[in-house]
């Protein structure tokens, strides 16, 4: 079985950490320049791109498709979270075990908090005031109040916590354990693990403080339907998908997938879940109503993400292994084309209006702009930074690998 996605990510982290010294002299001149519009009022207009090599966040004005500000953060930023409610942007800095909290109105860092080992994936609660951060190297979870800019709880007993999902009422947090075969359910108010939901039969369990060379692929994400009622959790080693009732906190069904599934991605209307299977290079399409696989399509190497248009008629499956995006017609349930990309694609985001898909290209130090309707690259954005790793917008369907 091939394990491609996670080890390549960790290899990049090491390379980026070694090259940070080259860019350290530049950090002092990377102060953000405030755009002409209010950052808070126009948050849905701006794209935020973490650059793992240069240790900063590029701010792109999507009306102009140009970089308008660069915000210095910590070492090897992995993800960006946006809280328009508290006027904050947060970057998780994997290599120095910190998060940087940025003022959304001034585009400048407001606070830096030290958390556990390798903080990576983050998730905001519904009102944008509480941030959950998985410390993947420590097997812990940090709960951070953005109102006070302080860590209010740290939860242990996790196994390489990856992506995080709040329950509809915000009282529970479902933690995908990359190093285990179960989902941990955290009581948010008490700051402790209250339950565990098995996703697949137990295999070789990874240690909570596993080394970064480990290639075990357990649970990547619990992907919620847009109404927050159901969660779909793929288990890489088990080639299965668990369907979770997020209100009751219980598993209701198991679904067989292809080999080494990465994670599920929802269409905008919640009708379908799309799962890339990197082991056999296929794509599983699941009907969320029947919770059955309704199609298995040819995929590509090292698929890192899926984006869909607002009408849920087209899906773009990003292949980091082949520098392209596959185009899927979700009505015909067929691959109808592909878009070549001039660099290694990481993850992307479709604008809230649905017209454009922005994809970070880590080896080209660019962001590709794909015209969603035309299904082609419309332009390239230069001057982004070193090693762009993802793309995030307020009001969009964001994800991270």
Protein backbone atom coordinates (compact mmCIF):
# COMPACT_ATOMS: atom_id res chain seq x y z
CA UNK A 1 0.00 0.00 0.00
CA UNK A 2 1.38 3.37 -0.98
CA UNK A 3 1.54 6.13 1.61
CA UNK A 4 2.14 9.34 -0.29
CA UNK A 5 0.29 12.30 1.13
CA UNK A 6 1.34 12.65 4.75
CA UNK A 7 5.07 11.74 4.36
CA UNK A 8 5.51 14.24 1.50
CA UNK A 9 3.98 16.93 3.68
CA UNK A 10 6.41 16.17 6.52
CA UNK A 11 9.35 16.13 4.13
CA UNK A 12 8.36 19.62 2.97
CA UNK A 13 8.16 20.76 6.60
CA UNK A 14 11.75 19.68 7.22
CA UNK A 15 13.02 21.38 4.05
CA UNK A 16 11.13 24.56 4.87
CA UNK A 17 12.48 24.58 8.43
CA UNK A 18 16.05 24.33 7.11
CA UNK A 19 15.59 27.21 4.68
CA UNK A 20 13.94 29.62 7.12
CA UNK A 21 17.31 31.13 7.93
CA UNK A 22 17.60 32.34 4.35
CA UNK A 23 14.40 34.34 4.72
CA UNK A 24 14.91 35.54 8.29
CA UNK A 25 16.62 38.70 7.10
CA UNK A 26 13.60 39.52 5.00
CA UNK A 27 11.00 39.20 7.76
CA UNK A 28 11.62 42.72 8.99
CA UNK A 29 10.52 44.16 5.65
CA UNK A 30 7.44 41.97 5.32
CA UNK A 31 5.18 44.25 7.32
CA UNK A 32 1.61 44.25 6.07
CA UNK A 33 0.32 47.15 4.05
CA UNK A 34 -3.37 47.76 4.73
CA UNK A 35 -5.55 47.57 1.60
CA UNK A 36 -7.70 50.55 0.73
CA UNK A 37 -10.94 48.86 1.84
CA UNK A 38 -11.79 47.88 5.40
CA UNK A 39 -10.35 44.40 5.88
CA UNK A 40 -13.27 43.35 8.05
CA UNK A 41 -16.05 44.64 5.82
CA UNK A 42 -14.47 43.15 2.70
CA UNK A 43 -13.21 39.90 4.26
CA UNK A 44 -14.97 37.82 1.60
CA UNK A 45 -12.94 39.61 -1.05
CA UNK A 46 -9.51 38.59 0.23
CA UNK A 47 -7.66 35.32 -0.15
CA UNK A 48 -5.15 34.26 2.52
CA UNK A 49 -2.25 32.00 1.50
CA UNK A 50 0.18 30.52 4.09
CA UNK A 51 3.74 30.29 2.76
CA UNK A 52 5.63 27.52 4.51
CA UNK A 53 9.05 28.46 3.13
CA UNK A 54 9.01 32.19 3.85
CA UNK A 55 6.99 32.10 7.08
CA UNK A 56 4.27 34.54 6.12
CA UNK A 57 0.71 34.93 4.87
CA UNK A 58 0.06 36.48 1.46
CA UNK A 59 -3.14 38.52 1.17
CA UNK A 60 -4.63 38.49 -2.33
CA UNK A 61 -7.35 40.86 -3.48
CA UNK A 62 -9.60 38.60 -5.59
CA UNK A 63 -11.09 41.62 -7.37
CA UNK A 64 -7.65 42.36 -8.83
CA UNK A 65 -6.00 38.92 -8.46
CA UNK A 66 -2.93 40.55 -6.97
CA UNK A 67 -1.00 40.32 -3.70
CA UNK A 68 -1.81 43.43 -1.65
CA UNK A 69 -0.16 42.56 1.68
CA UNK A 70 2.28 40.11 3.28
CA UNK A 71 1.95 39.31 6.97
CA UNK A 72 4.91 37.75 8.85
CA UNK A 73 3.97 34.82 11.10
CA UNK A 74 5.87 31.90 12.62
CA UNK A 75 7.88 29.07 11.11
CA UNK A 76 6.24 26.82 8.49
CA UNK A 77 2.63 28.07 8.69
CA UNK A 78 0.25 25.24 7.83
CA UNK A 79 -3.28 26.64 7.86
CA UNK A 80 -5.19 29.90 8.20
CA UNK A 81 -8.50 30.32 10.06
CA UNK A 82 -10.64 33.46 9.71
CA UNK A 83 -13.01 34.79 12.38
CA UNK A 84 -14.87 37.82 11.07
CA UNK A 85 -16.81 37.88 14.35
CA UNK A 86 -13.69 38.70 16.38
CA UNK A 87 -11.82 40.47 13.55
CA UNK A 88 -9.03 37.87 13.76
CA UNK A 89 -7.02 35.70 11.40
CA UNK A 90 -5.00 32.82 12.88
CA UNK A 91 -2.04 30.97 11.39
CA UNK A 92 -0.82 27.64 12.80
CA UNK A 93 2.98 27.58 12.81
CA UNK A 94 3.95 23.92 12.77
CA UNK A 95 7.73 24.22 13.11
CA UNK A 96 7.85 26.51 16.17
CA UNK A 97 4.77 25.17 18.01
CA UNK A 98 2.88 28.47 17.95
CA UNK A 99 -0.13 30.16 16.46
CA UNK A 100 -0.10 33.77 15.29
CA UNK A 101 -3.26 35.81 15.90
CA UNK A 102 -3.60 38.66 13.39
CA UNK A 103 -5.83 41.72 13.61
CA UNK A 104 -8.15 41.58 10.60
CA UNK A 105 -8.44 45.37 10.40
CA UNK A 106 -4.75 46.28 10.55
CA UNK A 107 -3.28 43.13 8.90
CA UNK A 108 -0.68 42.97 11.69
CA UNK A 109 0.11 40.21 14.24
CA UNK A 110 -1.64 40.90 17.55
CA UNK A 111 -0.46 37.92 19.62
CA UNK A 112 1.63 34.76 19.43
CA UNK A 113 0.69 31.76 21.59
CA UNK A 114 2.87 28.71 22.24
CA UNK A 115 0.82 25.51 22.11
CA UNK A 116 1.78 21.83 21.85
CA UNK A 117 4.14 20.10 19.42
CA UNK A 118 3.32 20.74 15.75
CA UNK A 119 0.03 22.64 15.79
CA UNK A 120 -1.47 22.05 12.35
CA UNK A 121 -5.19 21.87 11.71
CA UNK A 122 -7.67 24.33 13.18
CA UNK A 123 -11.43 24.71 13.39
CA UNK A 124 -13.61 27.58 14.61
CA UNK A 125 -16.90 27.12 16.43
CA UNK A 126 -20.08 28.54 14.88
CA UNK A 127 -19.79 32.00 16.43
CA UNK A 128 -16.08 32.32 15.64
CA UNK A 129 -14.99 32.89 19.23
CA UNK A 130 -13.40 29.52 20.08
CA UNK A 131 -10.59 28.00 18.06
CA UNK A 132 -9.66 24.32 18.27
CA UNK A 133 -6.07 23.47 17.28
CA UNK A 134 -4.73 19.93 16.90
CA UNK A 135 -1.14 19.54 18.12
CA UNK A 136 -0.39 16.60 15.88
CA UNK A 137 3.08 15.82 17.23
CA UNK A 138 1.97 15.88 20.88
CA UNK A 139 -1.33 14.02 20.66
CA UNK A 140 -3.15 16.97 22.23
CA UNK A 141 -5.79 19.54 21.38
CA UNK A 142 -5.70 23.22 22.33
CA UNK A 143 -8.86 25.27 22.81
CA UNK A 144 -8.13 28.97 22.31
CA UNK A 145 -10.38 31.92 23.13
CA UNK A 146 -10.01 34.52 20.39
CA UNK A 147 -11.75 37.11 22.55
CA UNK A 148 -8.97 36.93 25.14
CA UNK A 149 -6.17 35.52 22.94
CA UNK A 150 -5.36 32.75 25.42
CA UNK A 151 -5.39 28.97 25.54
CA UNK A 152 -8.28 27.98 27.82
CA UNK A 153 -7.86 24.19 27.78
CA UNK A 154 -5.56 21.47 26.54
CA UNK A 155 -6.96 18.01 25.91
CA UNK A 156 -4.74 14.92 25.87
CA UNK A 157 -5.37 11.28 25.05
CA UNK A 158 -5.42 11.83 21.27
CA UNK A 159 -3.43 10.11 18.52
CA UNK A 160 -1.92 12.52 15.98
CA UNK A 161 -5.05 14.70 15.91
CA UNK A 162 -5.72 15.82 12.36
CA UNK A 163 -8.85 17.68 11.25
CA UNK A 164 -11.53 18.80 13.73
CA UNK A 165 -15.32 19.14 13.48
CA UNK A 166 -17.74 20.80 15.92
CA UNK A 167 -21.16 19.31 16.59
CA UNK A 168 -24.14 21.42 15.42
CA UNK A 169 -24.63 22.83 18.95
CA UNK A 170 -20.91 23.40 19.49
CA UNK A 171 -20.84 21.36 22.69
CA UNK A 172 -18.76 18.52 21.26
CA UNK A 173 -15.74 18.35 19.03
CA UNK A 174 -15.07 15.35 16.81
CA UNK A 175 -11.32 14.76 16.44
CA UNK A 176 -9.98 12.73 13.53
CA UNK A 177 -7.02 10.70 14.84
CA UNK A 178 -4.55 10.23 12.00
CA UNK A 179 -2.67 7.75 14.19
CA UNK A 180 -5.60 5.59 15.28
CA UNK A 181 -8.75 3.77 14.18
CA UNK A 182 -11.27 5.86 16.08
CA UNK A 183 -12.72 9.36 16.35
CA UNK A 184 -12.31 11.06 19.72
CA UNK A 185 -15.30 13.03 20.99
CA UNK A 186 -14.31 15.98 23.16
CA UNK A 187 -16.60 17.68 25.67
CA UNK A 188 -15.79 21.31 24.86
CA UNK A 189 -16.97 22.82 28.16
CA UNK A 190 -15.04 20.33 30.29
CA UNK A 191 -12.02 20.10 28.00
CA UNK A 192 -11.75 16.31 28.02
CA UNK A 193 -12.32 13.27 25.83
CA UNK A 194 -15.81 11.97 26.62
CA UNK A 195 -16.15 9.16 24.07
CA UNK A 196 -14.45 7.29 21.22
CA UNK A 197 -16.19 6.18 18.03
CA UNK A 198 -14.53 3.22 16.25
CA UNK A 199 -14.31 3.68 12.50
CA UNK A 200 -12.53 0.50 11.44
CA UNK A 201 -11.21 -2.69 12.97
CA UNK A 202 -8.15 -2.08 15.08
CA UNK A 203 -4.83 -2.27 13.24
CA UNK A 204 -1.35 -1.26 14.36
CA UNK A 205 -2.07 1.71 16.61
CA UNK A 206 0.35 4.59 16.33
CA UNK A 207 1.82 6.14 19.47
CA UNK A 208 0.34 9.39 20.76
CA UNK A 209 3.74 11.07 20.42
CA UNK A 210 4.66 9.20 17.27
CA UNK A 211 7.72 10.23 15.30
CA UNK A 212 7.19 12.40 12.27
CA UNK A 213 8.41 9.59 9.99
CA UNK A 214 5.33 7.48 10.76
CA UNK A 215 3.26 6.72 7.69
CA UNK A 216 0.18 5.31 9.41
CA UNK A 217 -2.99 6.80 7.94
CA UNK A 218 -5.97 6.50 10.21
CA UNK A 219 -8.79 9.06 10.30
CA UNK A 220 -8.13 12.20 8.25
CA UNK A 221 -11.33 14.16 8.75
CA UNK A 222 -14.97 14.01 9.85
CA UNK A 223 -16.60 15.89 6.97
CA UNK A 224 -19.97 17.34 7.96
CA UNK A 225 -22.89 17.81 5.61
CA UNK A 226 -23.79 21.50 5.19
CA UNK A 227 -26.66 21.12 7.68
CA UNK A 228 -24.23 19.69 10.25
CA UNK A 229 -26.33 16.59 10.80
CA UNK A 230 -24.08 13.85 9.40
CA UNK A 231 -20.31 13.35 9.36
CA UNK A 232 -18.34 11.18 6.92
CA UNK A 233 -15.01 9.84 8.19
CA UNK A 234 -12.66 7.92 5.89
CA UNK A 235 -10.16 5.49 7.44
CA UNK A 236 -7.05 5.23 5.29
CA UNK A 237 -5.70 1.91 6.51
CA UNK A 238 -9.14 0.28 6.62
CA UNK A 239 -10.38 1.44 3.18
CA UNK A 240 -13.71 2.30 4.80
CA UNK A 241 -15.93 5.29 5.48
CA UNK A 242 -17.94 5.68 8.68
CA UNK A 243 -21.16 7.70 8.64
CA UNK A 244 -21.62 9.53 11.96
CA UNK A 245 -24.74 11.09 13.43
CA UNK A 246 -23.13 14.31 14.70
CA UNK A 247 -26.10 15.22 16.89
CA UNK A 248 -26.18 11.87 18.69
CA UNK A 249 -22.44 11.25 18.44
CA UNK A 250 -22.93 7.69 17.12
CA UNK A 251 -21.83 5.73 14.06
CA UNK A 252 -24.75 4.65 11.90
CA UNK A 253 -23.11 2.96 8.92
CA UNK A 254 -19.86 1.67 7.35
CA UNK A 255 -19.15 2.10 3.64
CA UNK A 256 -16.41 0.29 1.68
CA UNK A 257 -14.15 2.56 -0.40
CA UNK A 258 -11.10 2.16 -2.63
CA UNK A 259 -7.58 1.69 -1.34
CA UNK A 260 -6.07 4.28 1.03
CA UNK A 261 -8.87 6.88 0.97
CA UNK A 262 -7.78 10.38 1.95
CA UNK A 263 -10.94 12.16 3.16
CA UNK A 264 -14.47 13.08 2.10
CA UNK A 265 -15.36 16.42 0.48
CA UNK A 266 -18.96 17.66 0.35
CA UNK A 267 -20.68 19.30 -2.58
CA UNK A 268 -22.19 22.71 -1.87
CA UNK A 269 -25.70 21.27 -1.69
CA UNK A 270 -24.63 18.37 0.55
CA UNK A 271 -26.01 15.83 -1.90
CA UNK A 272 -22.71 14.06 -2.52
CA UNK A 273 -19.46 13.22 -0.74
CA UNK A 274 -16.38 12.81 -2.92
CA UNK A 275 -13.48 10.69 -1.63
CA UNK A 276 -10.08 10.40 -3.39
CA UNK A 277 -8.52 6.94 -2.93
CA UNK A 278 -4.77 7.42 -3.31
CA UNK A 279 -3.86 3.75 -3.00
CA UNK A 280 -5.60 2.66 -6.21
CA UNK A 281 -6.01 6.11 -7.78
CA UNK A 282 -9.79 6.05 -7.87
CA UNK A 283 -12.50 8.45 -6.69
CA UNK A 284 -15.55 7.28 -4.73
CA UNK A 285 -18.81 9.24 -5.03
CA UNK A 286 -21.24 8.74 -2.12
CA UNK A 287 -24.92 9.71 -2.05
CA UNK A 288 -25.44 11.30 1.37
CA UNK A 289 -29.12 10.36 1.44
CA UNK A 290 -28.64 6.62 0.90
CA UNK A 291 -25.04 6.68 2.23
CA UNK A 292 -23.97 4.34 -0.56
CA UNK A 293 -21.22 4.56 -3.17
CA UNK A 294 -22.98 5.42 -6.43
CA UNK A 295 -19.90 5.70 -8.65
CA UNK A 296 -16.18 4.86 -8.68
CA UNK A 297 -14.21 6.98 -11.14
CA UNK A 298 -10.60 6.97 -12.35
CA UNK A 299 -8.42 9.32 -10.35
CA UNK A 300 -4.78 10.37 -10.34
CA UNK A 301 -1.66 10.21 -8.17
CA UNK A 302 -1.52 11.86 -4.72
CA UNK A 303 -4.90 13.59 -4.71
CA UNK A 304 -4.89 16.26 -1.99
CA UNK A 305 -8.27 17.94 -2.30
CA UNK A 306 -11.60 18.39 -4.04
CA UNK A 307 -13.45 21.62 -4.80
CA UNK A 308 -16.95 21.91 -6.25
CA UNK A 309 -18.87 24.73 -7.87
CA UNK A 310 -21.78 26.37 -6.07
CA UNK A 311 -24.29 24.56 -8.25
CA UNK A 312 -22.80 21.17 -7.30
CA UNK A 313 -22.52 20.17 -10.96
CA UNK A 314 -18.72 20.17 -11.30
CA UNK A 315 -15.91 18.88 -9.10
CA UNK A 316 -12.20 19.67 -9.43
CA UNK A 317 -9.96 16.94 -7.96
CA UNK A 318 -6.43 18.21 -7.29
CA UNK A 319 -3.56 15.81 -8.04
CA UNK A 320 -0.27 16.78 -6.45
CA UNK A 321 1.39 13.74 -8.00
CA UNK A 322 0.55 14.74 -11.57
CA UNK A 323 0.35 18.55 -11.34
CA UNK A 324 -3.22 18.79 -12.54
CA UNK A 325 -6.87 18.97 -11.60
CA UNK A 326 -9.34 16.38 -12.85
CA UNK A 327 -12.75 17.76 -13.89
CA UNK A 328 -15.79 15.66 -12.91
CA UNK A 329 -19.30 16.19 -14.23
CA UNK A 330 -21.39 15.44 -11.15
CA UNK A 331 -24.57 15.03 -13.17
CA UNK A 332 -23.12 12.41 -15.51
CA UNK A 333 -20.81 11.09 -12.76
CA UNK A 334 -17.88 11.00 -15.16
CA UNK A 335 -14.40 12.49 -15.53
CA UNK A 336 -14.76 14.89 -18.45
CA UNK A 337 -11.36 16.55 -18.59
CA UNK A 338 -8.29 17.75 -16.77
CA UNK A 339 -6.51 21.05 -16.19
CA UNK A 340 -2.70 21.08 -16.33
CA UNK A 341 -1.06 23.20 -13.62
CA UNK A 342 2.44 24.76 -13.90
CA UNK A 343 3.63 23.62 -10.48
CA UNK A 344 2.80 21.27 -7.62
CA UNK A 345 -0.77 21.97 -6.46
CA UNK A 346 -1.55 21.81 -2.77
CA UNK A 347 -5.12 22.83 -1.87
CA UNK A 348 -7.56 25.37 -3.24
CA UNK A 349 -10.76 27.26 -2.52
CA UNK A 350 -13.73 28.39 -4.60
CA UNK A 351 -14.77 31.99 -4.04
CA UNK A 352 -18.07 32.53 -2.18
CA UNK A 353 -19.59 33.78 -5.45
CA UNK A 354 -18.50 30.55 -7.14
CA UNK A 355 -16.75 32.06 -10.15
CA UNK A 356 -13.10 31.27 -9.44
CA UNK A 357 -11.02 28.47 -7.93
CA UNK A 358 -7.68 29.50 -6.42
CA UNK A 359 -5.03 26.76 -6.11
CA UNK A 360 -1.70 27.18 -4.29
CA UNK A 361 1.31 25.88 -6.28
CA UNK A 362 4.09 25.15 -3.80
CA UNK A 363 6.94 24.54 -6.25
CA UNK A 364 6.10 27.50 -8.49
CA UNK A 365 5.53 30.02 -5.67
CA UNK A 366 2.35 31.05 -7.44
CA UNK A 367 -1.41 30.76 -7.14
CA UNK A 368 -3.38 29.50 -10.13
CA UNK A 369 -6.76 31.10 -10.84
CA UNK A 370 -9.17 28.66 -12.49
CA UNK A 371 -12.31 29.92 -14.21
CA UNK A 372 -14.92 27.54 -12.78
CA UNK A 373 -17.43 27.86 -15.61
CA UNK A 374 -14.83 27.63 -18.39
CA UNK A 375 -12.88 24.90 -16.55
CA UNK A 376 -9.49 26.36 -17.43
CA UNK A 377 -6.64 28.37 -15.89
CA UNK A 378 -7.51 32.03 -16.36
CA UNK A 379 -4.34 33.57 -14.91
CA UNK A 380 -1.40 33.09 -12.55
CA UNK A 381 -0.64 35.24 -9.50
CA UNK A 382 3.06 35.93 -8.84
CA UNK A 383 4.81 37.37 -5.79
CA UNK A 384 2.93 35.09 -3.39
CA UNK A 385 5.82 33.85 -1.24
CA UNK A 386 7.94 30.74 -0.79
CA UNK A 387 6.09 27.41 -0.68
CA UNK A 388 2.42 28.45 -0.74
CA UNK A 389 0.51 25.66 0.98
CA UNK A 390 -3.20 26.47 0.75
CA UNK A 391 -5.87 29.09 0.17
CA UNK A 392 -8.53 30.37 2.58
CA UNK A 393 -11.41 32.85 2.22
CA UNK A 394 -14.08 34.06 4.63
CA UNK A 395 -17.47 32.68 3.62
CA UNK A 396 -15.99 29.93 1.43
CA UNK A 397 -15.82 26.15 1.83
CA UNK A 398 -12.26 25.94 3.16
CA UNK A 399 -10.19 22.87 3.88
CA UNK A 400 -6.58 21.93 4.47
CA UNK A 401 -4.55 18.82 3.67
